[in-house]
Amino acid sequence: MKPKNYWITCFAFLLMHSAFGQVHIGATTAYNATFVLDKGLSEDPRYNSTYTYQIAPIGFNFGVDIGRKFGLQLESILSNQGQIYELVNVADQIAGQRKIDLQYINLPLMFKFMGGGNGRARTNFNLGPQMSILTKATESLQANAGEYKIPEGLTIDDIRTDFPNAEATGSGTYTISDVPKKDLLTKQANDFKNAEFQLAAAFGVDIDLSKHIYLSTQIRANYSLTDMRNGDVINAIKNGNTSDIFGGRANFLVGVQLGLHYYFGTLRSYK
């Protein structure tokens, strides 16, 4: 489904159900640990994955509570994602990095299962599909001069795709001079898919602050079901035209999200 059609379908679905429930709107922000899961990079002895933290500075949502225990919520979240892979030399010293910078507008449609009590704090569990629209993307590489291992299955010609000045040493390693930061893949060059289909899940607590305003707190996770790169890039990797050890590449995110919401009606603990 195209992103525009997904958005229209979800919004129409919510409007259709709004006649049968209580409506609320809100704004959110989040702080996330983000990962790019790539089997090729994780098995490459030259790279160490790192914990990468990013902010999702702003999000908006429109929801409908249908009864006391179930609701629907459509969100729009600006999310910074990606990961840094440290480049290490034969002495296991950090000598550069491969950095994947991504920015998406995430559009999850969440099915919300709520606690049925009347207390000011109520737990909830959320699950649903998510369309992620890519707004920015760059994969870059920078390396210091030194000696590095040649990964199993690659030749010095493969290595020269990323490091043109690489020279084999004859002992399973190669040497390079300094490599200034350069872009390997970019959105402008159409190396990434413009949209991804993902799954989103969250567990949280809603806290009533007044008759119409509540605070949401959530632990949230997203996982992509499709590779973020476009078909041409994937085919080039499979055909040996780049130095990647081919592996599917997936986005994964887990973090904390806070939101402030206005409820068109009276919240339970004030009734």
C-alpha atoms as a PDB file:
ATOM      1  CA  MET A   1       0.000   0.000   0.000  1.00  0.00           C
ATOM      2  CA  LYS A   2       1.288   3.473  -0.880  1.00  0.00           C
ATOM      3  CA  PRO A   3       1.938   5.822   2.097  1.00  0.00           C
ATOM      4  CA  LYS A   4      -0.769   8.272   0.997  1.00  0.00           C
ATOM      5  CA  ASN A   5      -3.359   5.501   0.716  1.00  0.00           C
ATOM      6  CA  TYR A   6      -2.295   4.063   4.081  1.00  0.00           C
ATOM      7  CA  TRP A   7      -2.744   7.455   5.781  1.00  0.00           C
ATOM      8  CA  ILE A   8      -6.162   8.088   4.197  1.00  0.00           C
ATOM      9  CA  THR A   9      -7.382   4.575   5.028  1.00  0.00           C
ATOM     10  CA  CYS A  10      -6.298   4.798   8.674  1.00  0.00           C
ATOM     11  CA  PHE A  11      -7.782   8.257   9.184  1.00  0.00           C
ATOM     12  CA  ALA A  12     -11.073   7.259   7.573  1.00  0.00           C
ATOM     13  CA  PHE A  13     -11.132   4.138   9.775  1.00  0.00           C
ATOM     14  CA  LEU A  14     -10.746   6.271  12.902  1.00  0.00           C
ATOM     15  CA  LEU A  15     -13.367   8.801  11.837  1.00  0.00           C
ATOM     16  CA  MET A  16     -15.816   5.993  11.196  1.00  0.00           C
ATOM     17  CA  HIS A  17     -15.354   4.707  14.762  1.00  0.00           C
ATOM     18  CA  SER A  18     -15.296   8.159  16.414  1.00  0.00           C
ATOM     19  CA  ALA A  19     -19.110   8.209  16.447  1.00  0.00           C
ATOM     20  CA  PHE A  20     -19.048   5.225  18.805  1.00  0.00           C
ATOM     21  CA  GLY A  21     -16.431   6.392  21.323  1.00  0.00           C
ATOM     22  CA  GLN A  22     -14.620   9.199  23.104  1.00  0.00           C
ATOM     23  CA  VAL A  23     -12.081  11.160  21.060  1.00  0.00           C
ATOM     24  CA  HIS A  24      -8.692  12.457  22.244  1.00  0.00           C
ATOM     25  CA  ILE A  25      -5.767  14.290  20.637  1.00  0.00           C
ATOM     26  CA  GLY A  26      -2.221  14.712  21.872  1.00  0.00           C
ATOM     27  CA  ALA A  27       1.435  15.534  21.327  1.00  0.00           C
ATOM     28  CA  THR A  28       4.397  13.291  22.179  1.00  0.00           C
ATOM     29  CA  THR A  29       8.173  13.173  22.364  1.00  0.00           C
ATOM     30  CA  ALA A  30      10.527  10.206  22.749  1.00  0.00           C
ATOM     31  CA  TYR A  31      14.122   9.143  23.400  1.00  0.00           C
ATOM     32  CA  ASN A  32      15.145   5.893  21.726  1.00  0.00           C
ATOM     33  CA  ALA A  33      17.917   3.377  21.332  1.00  0.00           C
ATOM     34  CA  THR A  34      18.055   2.709  17.585  1.00  0.00           C
ATOM     35  CA  PHE A  35      19.664  -0.193  15.732  1.00  0.00           C
ATOM     36  CA  VAL A  36      20.334  -1.179  12.141  1.00  0.00           C
ATOM     37  CA  LEU A  37      20.392  -4.973  12.227  1.00  0.00           C
ATOM     38  CA  ASP A  38      22.699  -6.150   9.444  1.00  0.00           C
ATOM     39  CA  LYS A  39      24.077  -9.694   9.477  1.00  0.00           C
ATOM     40  CA  GLY A  40      26.835  -8.762   7.057  1.00  0.00           C
ATOM     41  CA  LEU A  41      28.194  -5.941   9.203  1.00  0.00           C
ATOM     42  CA  SER A  42      27.790  -7.892  12.459  1.00  0.00           C
ATOM     43  CA  GLU A  43      29.865 -10.795  11.050  1.00  0.00           C
ATOM     44  CA  ASP A  44      32.524  -8.529   9.514  1.00  0.00           C
ATOM     45  CA  PRO A  45      35.594  -8.559  11.844  1.00  0.00           C
ATOM     46  CA  ARG A  46      36.314  -4.932  10.930  1.00  0.00           C
ATOM     47  CA  TYR A  47      33.117  -3.591  12.551  1.00  0.00           C
ATOM     48  CA  ASN A  48      31.822  -3.313  16.113  1.00  0.00           C
ATOM     49  CA  SER A  49      28.201  -2.306  16.626  1.00  0.00           C
ATOM     50  CA  THR A  50      27.534   0.443  19.167  1.00  0.00           C
ATOM     51  CA  TYR A  51      24.565   1.612  21.183  1.00  0.00           C
ATOM     52  CA  THR A  52      23.133   4.598  19.340  1.00  0.00           C
ATOM     53  CA  TYR A  53      20.613   6.929  20.971  1.00  0.00           C
ATOM     54  CA  GLN A  54      18.342   9.289  19.054  1.00  0.00           C
ATOM     55  CA  ILE A  55      15.459  11.628  19.813  1.00  0.00           C
ATOM     56  CA  ALA A  56      12.004  11.594  18.253  1.00  0.00           C
ATOM     57  CA  PRO A  57      11.402  15.277  18.974  1.00  0.00           C
ATOM     58  CA  ILE A  58       7.703  15.596  18.181  1.00  0.00           C
ATOM     59  CA  GLY A  59       4.697  13.472  17.429  1.00  0.00           C
ATOM     60  CA  PHE A  60       0.944  13.946  17.213  1.00  0.00           C
ATOM     61  CA  ASN A  61      -1.922  11.516  17.600  1.00  0.00           C
ATOM     62  CA  PHE A  62      -5.659  11.211  17.188  1.00  0.00           C
ATOM     63  CA  GLY A  63      -7.450   8.454  19.084  1.00  0.00           C
ATOM     64  CA  VAL A  64     -10.827   6.988  19.880  1.00  0.00           C
ATOM     65  CA  ASP A  65     -11.644   5.009  23.025  1.00  0.00           C
ATOM     66  CA  ILE A  66     -14.369   2.507  22.185  1.00  0.00           C
ATOM     67  CA  GLY A  67     -15.547   1.444  25.615  1.00  0.00           C
ATOM     68  CA  ARG A  68     -13.426   1.140  28.739  1.00  0.00           C
ATOM     69  CA  LYS A  69     -10.941  -1.481  27.580  1.00  0.00           C
ATOM     70  CA  PHE A  70     -10.294  -0.885  23.889  1.00  0.00           C
ATOM     71  CA  GLY A  71      -9.295   2.020  21.679  1.00  0.00           C
ATOM     72  CA  LEU A  72      -7.709   2.993  18.356  1.00  0.00           C
ATOM     73  CA  GLN A  73      -4.948   5.548  17.902  1.00  0.00           C
ATOM     74  CA  LEU A  74      -3.338   6.976  14.745  1.00  0.00           C
ATOM     75  CA  GLU A  75       0.009   8.709  15.271  1.00  0.00           C
ATOM     76  CA  SER A  76       2.476  10.778  13.270  1.00  0.00           C
ATOM     77  CA  ILE A  77       6.001  10.810  14.736  1.00  0.00           C
ATOM     78  CA  LEU A  78       9.180  12.446  13.434  1.00  0.00           C
ATOM     79  CA  SER A  79      11.849   9.882  14.331  1.00  0.00           C
ATOM     80  CA  ASN A  80      15.648  10.056  14.038  1.00  0.00           C
ATOM     81  CA  GLN A  81      17.135   6.565  13.663  1.00  0.00           C
ATOM     82  CA  GLY A  82      20.248   4.698  12.534  1.00  0.00           C
ATOM     83  CA  GLN A  83      23.404   3.283  14.059  1.00  0.00           C
ATOM     84  CA  ILE A  84      27.165   3.745  14.235  1.00  0.00           C
ATOM     85  CA  TYR A  85      29.439   0.789  13.487  1.00  0.00           C
ATOM     86  CA  GLU A  86      32.989   1.372  14.736  1.00  0.00           C
ATOM     87  CA  LEU A  87      35.751   0.382  12.320  1.00  0.00           C
ATOM     88  CA  VAL A  88      38.591  -1.500  14.068  1.00  0.00           C
ATOM     89  CA  ASN A  89      42.085  -2.338  12.813  1.00  0.00           C
ATOM     90  CA  VAL A  90      44.093  -5.546  13.356  1.00  0.00           C
ATOM     91  CA  ALA A  91      45.163  -4.245  16.796  1.00  0.00           C
ATOM     92  CA  ASP A  92      41.461  -3.970  17.775  1.00  0.00           C
ATOM     93  CA  GLN A  93      41.764  -0.190  17.984  1.00  0.00           C
ATOM     94  CA  ILE A  94      38.930   2.076  16.856  1.00  0.00           C
ATOM     95  CA  ALA A  95      40.155   3.600  13.603  1.00  0.00           C
ATOM     96  CA  GLY A  96      37.033   4.996  11.944  1.00  0.00           C
ATOM     97  CA  GLN A  97      33.314   4.484  11.640  1.00  0.00           C
ATOM     98  CA  ARG A  98      30.479   3.509   9.353  1.00  0.00           C
ATOM     99  CA  LYS A  99      27.515   5.735  10.227  1.00  0.00           C
ATOM    100  CA  ILE A 100      23.930   5.187   9.127  1.00  0.00           C
ATOM    101  CA  ASP A 101      21.750   8.299   9.610  1.00  0.00           C
ATOM    102  CA  LEU A 102      18.023   7.970   8.978  1.00  0.00           C
ATOM    103  CA  GLN A 103      14.961  10.116   9.598  1.00  0.00           C
ATOM    104  CA  TYR A 104      11.394   8.902   9.221  1.00  0.00           C
ATOM    105  CA  ILE A 105       7.860  10.101   9.693  1.00  0.00           C
ATOM    106  CA  ASN A 106       6.347   7.073  11.420  1.00  0.00           C
ATOM    107  CA  LEU A 107       2.600   6.522  11.024  1.00  0.00           C
ATOM    108  CA  PRO A 108       1.478   3.751  13.390  1.00  0.00           C
ATOM    109  CA  LEU A 109      -2.141   2.683  13.765  1.00  0.00           C
ATOM    110  CA  MET A 110      -2.289   1.296  17.305  1.00  0.00           C
ATOM    111  CA  PHE A 111      -4.869  -1.056  18.740  1.00  0.00           C
ATOM    112  CA  LYS A 112      -4.990  -0.048  22.402  1.00  0.00           C
ATOM    113  CA  PHE A 113      -5.992  -2.523  25.131  1.00  0.00           C
ATOM    114  CA  MET A 114      -6.604  -0.673  28.405  1.00  0.00           C
ATOM    115  CA  GLY A 115      -7.099  -1.480  32.069  1.00  0.00           C
ATOM    116  CA  GLY A 116     -10.758  -1.092  32.987  1.00  0.00           C
ATOM    117  CA  GLY A 117     -10.372   0.572  36.391  1.00  0.00           C
ATOM    118  CA  ASN A 118     -11.325   4.089  37.479  1.00  0.00           C
ATOM    119  CA  GLY A 119      -8.000   5.016  39.086  1.00  0.00           C
ATOM    120  CA  ARG A 120      -5.926   8.001  37.972  1.00  0.00           C
ATOM    121  CA  ALA A 121      -3.255   5.649  36.604  1.00  0.00           C
ATOM    122  CA  ARG A 122      -4.191   2.863  34.182  1.00  0.00           C
ATOM    123  CA  THR A 123      -1.999   0.463  32.232  1.00  0.00           C
ATOM    124  CA  ASN A 124      -2.355  -0.247  28.525  1.00  0.00           C
ATOM    125  CA  PHE A 125      -0.851  -2.412  25.792  1.00  0.00           C
ATOM    126  CA  ASN A 126      -0.637  -1.232  22.173  1.00  0.00           C
ATOM    127  CA  LEU A 127       0.044  -3.136  18.965  1.00  0.00           C
ATOM    128  CA  GLY A 128      -0.370  -2.284  15.302  1.00  0.00           C
ATOM    129  CA  PRO A 129       1.034  -1.760  11.793  1.00  0.00           C
ATOM    130  CA  GLN A 130       3.243   1.195  10.968  1.00  0.00           C
ATOM    131  CA  MET A 131       4.133   2.931   7.716  1.00  0.00           C
ATOM    132  CA  SER A 132       7.495   4.703   7.926  1.00  0.00           C
ATOM    133  CA  ILE A 133       8.158   7.418   5.332  1.00  0.00           C
ATOM    134  CA  LEU A 134      11.836   8.234   4.783  1.00  0.00           C
ATOM    135  CA  THR A 135      12.733  11.953   4.836  1.00  0.00           C
ATOM    136  CA  LYS A 136      16.559  11.812   5.160  1.00  0.00           C
ATOM    137  CA  ALA A 137      19.135   9.035   4.772  1.00  0.00           C
ATOM    138  CA  THR A 138      22.918   8.805   4.519  1.00  0.00           C
ATOM    139  CA  GLU A 139      25.358   5.954   5.043  1.00  0.00           C
ATOM    140  CA  SER A 140      28.916   7.271   5.387  1.00  0.00           C
ATOM    141  CA  LEU A 141      32.378   5.835   5.982  1.00  0.00           C
ATOM    142  CA  GLN A 142      35.563   7.280   7.459  1.00  0.00           C
ATOM    143  CA  ALA A 143      38.812   5.434   8.216  1.00  0.00           C
ATOM    144  CA  ASN A 144      42.282   6.126   9.558  1.00  0.00           C
ATOM    145  CA  ALA A 145      45.434   4.800   7.928  1.00  0.00           C
ATOM    146  CA  GLY A 146      46.371   1.332   9.156  1.00  0.00           C
ATOM    147  CA  GLU A 147      46.131  -2.410   8.704  1.00  0.00           C
ATOM    148  CA  TYR A 148      42.778  -4.228   8.644  1.00  0.00           C
ATOM    149  CA  LYS A 149      41.536  -7.815   8.334  1.00  0.00           C
ATOM    150  CA  ILE A 150      40.107  -9.056   5.050  1.00  0.00           C
ATOM    151  CA  PRO A 151      36.727 -10.623   5.906  1.00  0.00           C
ATOM    152  CA  GLU A 152      36.200 -14.224   4.878  1.00  0.00           C
ATOM    153  CA  GLY A 153      34.691 -14.481   1.412  1.00  0.00           C
ATOM    154  CA  LEU A 154      36.010 -11.110   0.185  1.00  0.00           C
ATOM    155  CA  THR A 155      38.975 -10.304  -2.046  1.00  0.00           C
ATOM    156  CA  ILE A 156      41.165  -7.230  -2.186  1.00  0.00           C
ATOM    157  CA  ASP A 157      39.127  -6.091  -5.221  1.00  0.00           C
ATOM    158  CA  ASP A 158      35.992  -6.230  -3.079  1.00  0.00           C
ATOM    159  CA  ILE A 159      37.749  -4.181  -0.395  1.00  0.00           C
ATOM    160  CA  ARG A 160      38.718  -1.523  -2.946  1.00  0.00           C
ATOM    161  CA  THR A 161      35.041  -0.751  -3.558  1.00  0.00           C
ATOM    162  CA  ASP A 162      35.042   1.145  -0.253  1.00  0.00           C
ATOM    163  CA  PHE A 163      38.817   1.682   0.093  1.00  0.00           C
ATOM    164  CA  PRO A 164      40.299   2.413  -3.369  1.00  0.00           C
ATOM    165  CA  ASN A 165      43.869   2.687  -2.010  1.00  0.00           C
ATOM    166  CA  ALA A 166      43.810  -0.707  -0.210  1.00  0.00           C
ATOM    167  CA  GLU A 167      46.871  -2.929  -0.687  1.00  0.00           C
ATOM    168  CA  ALA A 168      46.944  -6.614   0.289  1.00  0.00           C
ATOM    169  CA  THR A 169      49.738  -7.676   2.646  1.00  0.00           C
ATOM    170  CA  GLY A 170      49.615 -11.384   1.798  1.00  0.00           C
ATOM    171  CA  SER A 171      48.682 -12.410   5.350  1.00  0.00           C
ATOM    172  CA  GLY A 172      44.899 -11.979   5.265  1.00  0.00           C
ATOM    173  CA  THR A 173      45.071  -8.249   5.880  1.00  0.00           C
ATOM    174  CA  TYR A 174      45.298  -5.038   3.887  1.00  0.00           C
ATOM    175  CA  THR A 175      46.644  -1.564   4.497  1.00  0.00           C
ATOM    176  CA  ILE A 176      45.104   1.808   3.637  1.00  0.00           C
ATOM    177  CA  SER A 177      46.007   5.450   3.946  1.00  0.00           C
ATOM    178  CA  ASP A 178      43.568   7.908   5.555  1.00  0.00           C
ATOM    179  CA  VAL A 179      40.072   7.838   4.077  1.00  0.00           C
ATOM    180  CA  PRO A 180      38.180  11.120   4.638  1.00  0.00           C
ATOM    181  CA  LYS A 181      34.494  10.826   5.394  1.00  0.00           C
ATOM    182  CA  LYS A 182      32.553   9.876   2.265  1.00  0.00           C
ATOM    183  CA  ASP A 183      28.946   8.983   1.546  1.00  0.00           C
ATOM    184  CA  LEU A 184      28.330   5.396   0.432  1.00  0.00           C
ATOM    185  CA  LEU A 185      24.529   5.563   0.120  1.00  0.00           C
ATOM    186  CA  THR A 186      22.157   8.547   0.125  1.00  0.00           C
ATOM    187  CA  LYS A 187      18.464   9.223  -0.261  1.00  0.00           C
ATOM    188  CA  GLN A 188      19.269  11.769  -2.980  1.00  0.00           C
ATOM    189  CA  ALA A 189      20.868   9.000  -5.056  1.00  0.00           C
ATOM    190  CA  ASN A 190      17.763   6.836  -4.537  1.00  0.00           C
ATOM    191  CA  ASP A 191      19.728   4.184  -2.604  1.00  0.00           C
ATOM    192  CA  PHE A 192      17.025   3.809   0.063  1.00  0.00           C
ATOM    193  CA  LYS A 193      13.355   2.871  -0.081  1.00  0.00           C
ATOM    194  CA  ASN A 194      11.066   5.852   0.373  1.00  0.00           C
ATOM    195  CA  ALA A 195       8.775   3.902   2.720  1.00  0.00           C
ATOM    196  CA  GLU A 196       8.933   0.824   4.945  1.00  0.00           C
ATOM    197  CA  PHE A 197       6.263  -1.323   6.534  1.00  0.00           C
ATOM    198  CA  GLN A 198       6.911  -1.977  10.223  1.00  0.00           C
ATOM    199  CA  LEU A 199       5.290  -3.366  13.354  1.00  0.00           C
ATOM    200  CA  ALA A 200       4.905  -1.179  16.450  1.00  0.00           C
ATOM    201  CA  ALA A 201       4.215  -2.225  20.041  1.00  0.00           C
ATOM    202  CA  ALA A 202       4.094  -0.393  23.361  1.00  0.00           C
ATOM    203  CA  PHE A 203       3.339  -0.907  27.025  1.00  0.00           C
ATOM    204  CA  GLY A 204       2.423   2.119  29.097  1.00  0.00           C
ATOM    205  CA  VAL A 205       0.580   3.928  31.834  1.00  0.00           C
ATOM    206  CA  ASP A 206      -1.934   6.765  31.341  1.00  0.00           C
ATOM    207  CA  ILE A 207      -2.157   9.226  34.250  1.00  0.00           C
ATOM    208  CA  ASP A 208      -5.122  11.603  34.619  1.00  0.00           C
ATOM    209  CA  LEU A 209      -3.981  15.171  35.378  1.00  0.00           C
ATOM    210  CA  SER A 210      -7.346  16.947  35.191  1.00  0.00           C
ATOM    211  CA  LYS A 211     -10.877  16.284  33.964  1.00  0.00           C
ATOM    212  CA  HIS A 212      -9.794  16.448  30.315  1.00  0.00           C
ATOM    213  CA  ILE A 213      -5.989  16.104  30.271  1.00  0.00           C
ATOM    214  CA  TYR A 214      -3.874  12.998  30.796  1.00  0.00           C
ATOM    215  CA  LEU A 215      -0.185  12.100  30.592  1.00  0.00           C
ATOM    216  CA  SER A 216       0.899   9.003  28.675  1.00  0.00           C
ATOM    217  CA  THR A 217       4.138   7.143  29.460  1.00  0.00           C
ATOM    218  CA  GLN A 218       5.231   4.230  27.276  1.00  0.00           C
ATOM    219  CA  ILE A 219       8.002   1.796  26.536  1.00  0.00           C
ATOM    220  CA  ARG A 220       7.792   1.474  22.768  1.00  0.00           C
ATOM    221  CA  ALA A 221       9.410  -0.664  20.071  1.00  0.00           C
ATOM    222  CA  ASN A 222       9.331  -0.683  16.241  1.00  0.00           C
ATOM    223  CA  TYR A 223      10.679  -3.344  13.888  1.00  0.00           C
ATOM    224  CA  SER A 224      10.833  -3.167  10.094  1.00  0.00           C
ATOM    225  CA  LEU A 225       9.716  -6.122   7.973  1.00  0.00           C
ATOM    226  CA  THR A 226      11.478  -4.968   4.796  1.00  0.00           C
ATOM    227  CA  ASP A 227      15.079  -4.021   3.934  1.00  0.00           C
ATOM    228  CA  MET A 228      15.612  -0.241   4.022  1.00  0.00           C
ATOM    229  CA  ARG A 229      17.738  -0.256   0.845  1.00  0.00           C
ATOM    230  CA  ASN A 230      16.239  -0.238  -2.622  1.00  0.00           C
ATOM    231  CA  GLY A 231      16.296  -3.206  -4.991  1.00  0.00           C
ATOM    232  CA  ASP A 232      19.220  -1.956  -7.094  1.00  0.00           C
ATOM    233  CA  VAL A 233      21.503  -1.669  -4.057  1.00  0.00           C
ATOM    234  CA  ILE A 234      20.512  -5.120  -2.780  1.00  0.00           C
ATOM    235  CA  ASN A 235      21.130  -6.685  -6.201  1.00  0.00           C
ATOM    236  CA  ALA A 236      24.531  -4.995  -6.431  1.00  0.00           C
ATOM    237  CA  ILE A 237      25.499  -6.480  -3.059  1.00  0.00           C
ATOM    238  CA  LYS A 238      24.290  -9.949  -4.068  1.00  0.00           C
ATOM    239  CA  ASN A 239      26.272  -9.733  -7.316  1.00  0.00           C
ATOM    240  CA  GLY A 240      29.469  -8.809  -5.488  1.00  0.00           C
ATOM    241  CA  ASN A 241      29.633  -5.240  -6.743  1.00  0.00           C
ATOM    242  CA  THR A 242      30.139  -3.825  -3.235  1.00  0.00           C
ATOM    243  CA  SER A 243      32.266  -4.968  -0.298  1.00  0.00           C
ATOM    244  CA  ASP A 244      29.320  -5.784   1.986  1.00  0.00           C
ATOM    245  CA  ILE A 245      28.758  -9.366   3.083  1.00  0.00           C
ATOM    246  CA  PHE A 246      25.111  -9.482   2.025  1.00  0.00           C
ATOM    247  CA  GLY A 247      22.538  -9.705   4.763  1.00  0.00           C
ATOM    248  CA  GLY A 248      19.049  -8.362   5.219  1.00  0.00           C
ATOM    249  CA  ARG A 249      19.055  -4.997   6.918  1.00  0.00           C
ATOM    250  CA  ALA A 250      16.279  -4.105   9.362  1.00  0.00           C
ATOM    251  CA  ASN A 251      15.452  -1.096  11.523  1.00  0.00           C
ATOM    252  CA  PHE A 252      14.834  -1.739  15.196  1.00  0.00           C
ATOM    253  CA  LEU A 253      13.933   0.862  17.811  1.00  0.00           C
ATOM    254  CA  VAL A 254      13.131   0.694  21.524  1.00  0.00           C
ATOM    255  CA  GLY A 255      12.649   3.701  23.766  1.00  0.00           C
ATOM    256  CA  VAL A 256      10.610   5.817  26.136  1.00  0.00           C
ATOM    257  CA  GLN A 257       7.755   8.013  24.905  1.00  0.00           C
ATOM    258  CA  LEU A 258       5.899  10.729  26.806  1.00  0.00           C
ATOM    259  CA  GLY A 259       2.728  12.463  25.686  1.00  0.00           C
ATOM    260  CA  LEU A 260       0.175  15.035  26.794  1.00  0.00           C
ATOM    261  CA  HIS A 261      -3.399  14.487  25.596  1.00  0.00           C
ATOM    262  CA  TYR A 262      -6.736  16.307  25.635  1.00  0.00           C
ATOM    263  CA  TYR A 263      -9.809  14.095  26.078  1.00  0.00           C
ATOM    264  CA  PHE A 264     -13.127  15.288  24.652  1.00  0.00           C
ATOM    265  CA  GLY A 265     -15.134  14.043  27.587  1.00  0.00           C
ATOM    266  CA  THR A 266     -14.503  13.489  31.279  1.00  0.00           C
ATOM    267  CA  LEU A 267     -11.671  11.156  32.243  1.00  0.00           C
ATOM    268  CA  ARG A 268     -12.606   8.166  34.398  1.00  0.00           C
ATOM    269  CA  SER A 269     -11.055   9.190  37.692  1.00  0.00           C
ATOM    270  CA  TYR A 270     -13.038  12.477  37.652  1.00  0.00           C
ATOM    271  CA  LYS A 271     -16.433  10.982  36.907  1.00  0.00           C
END
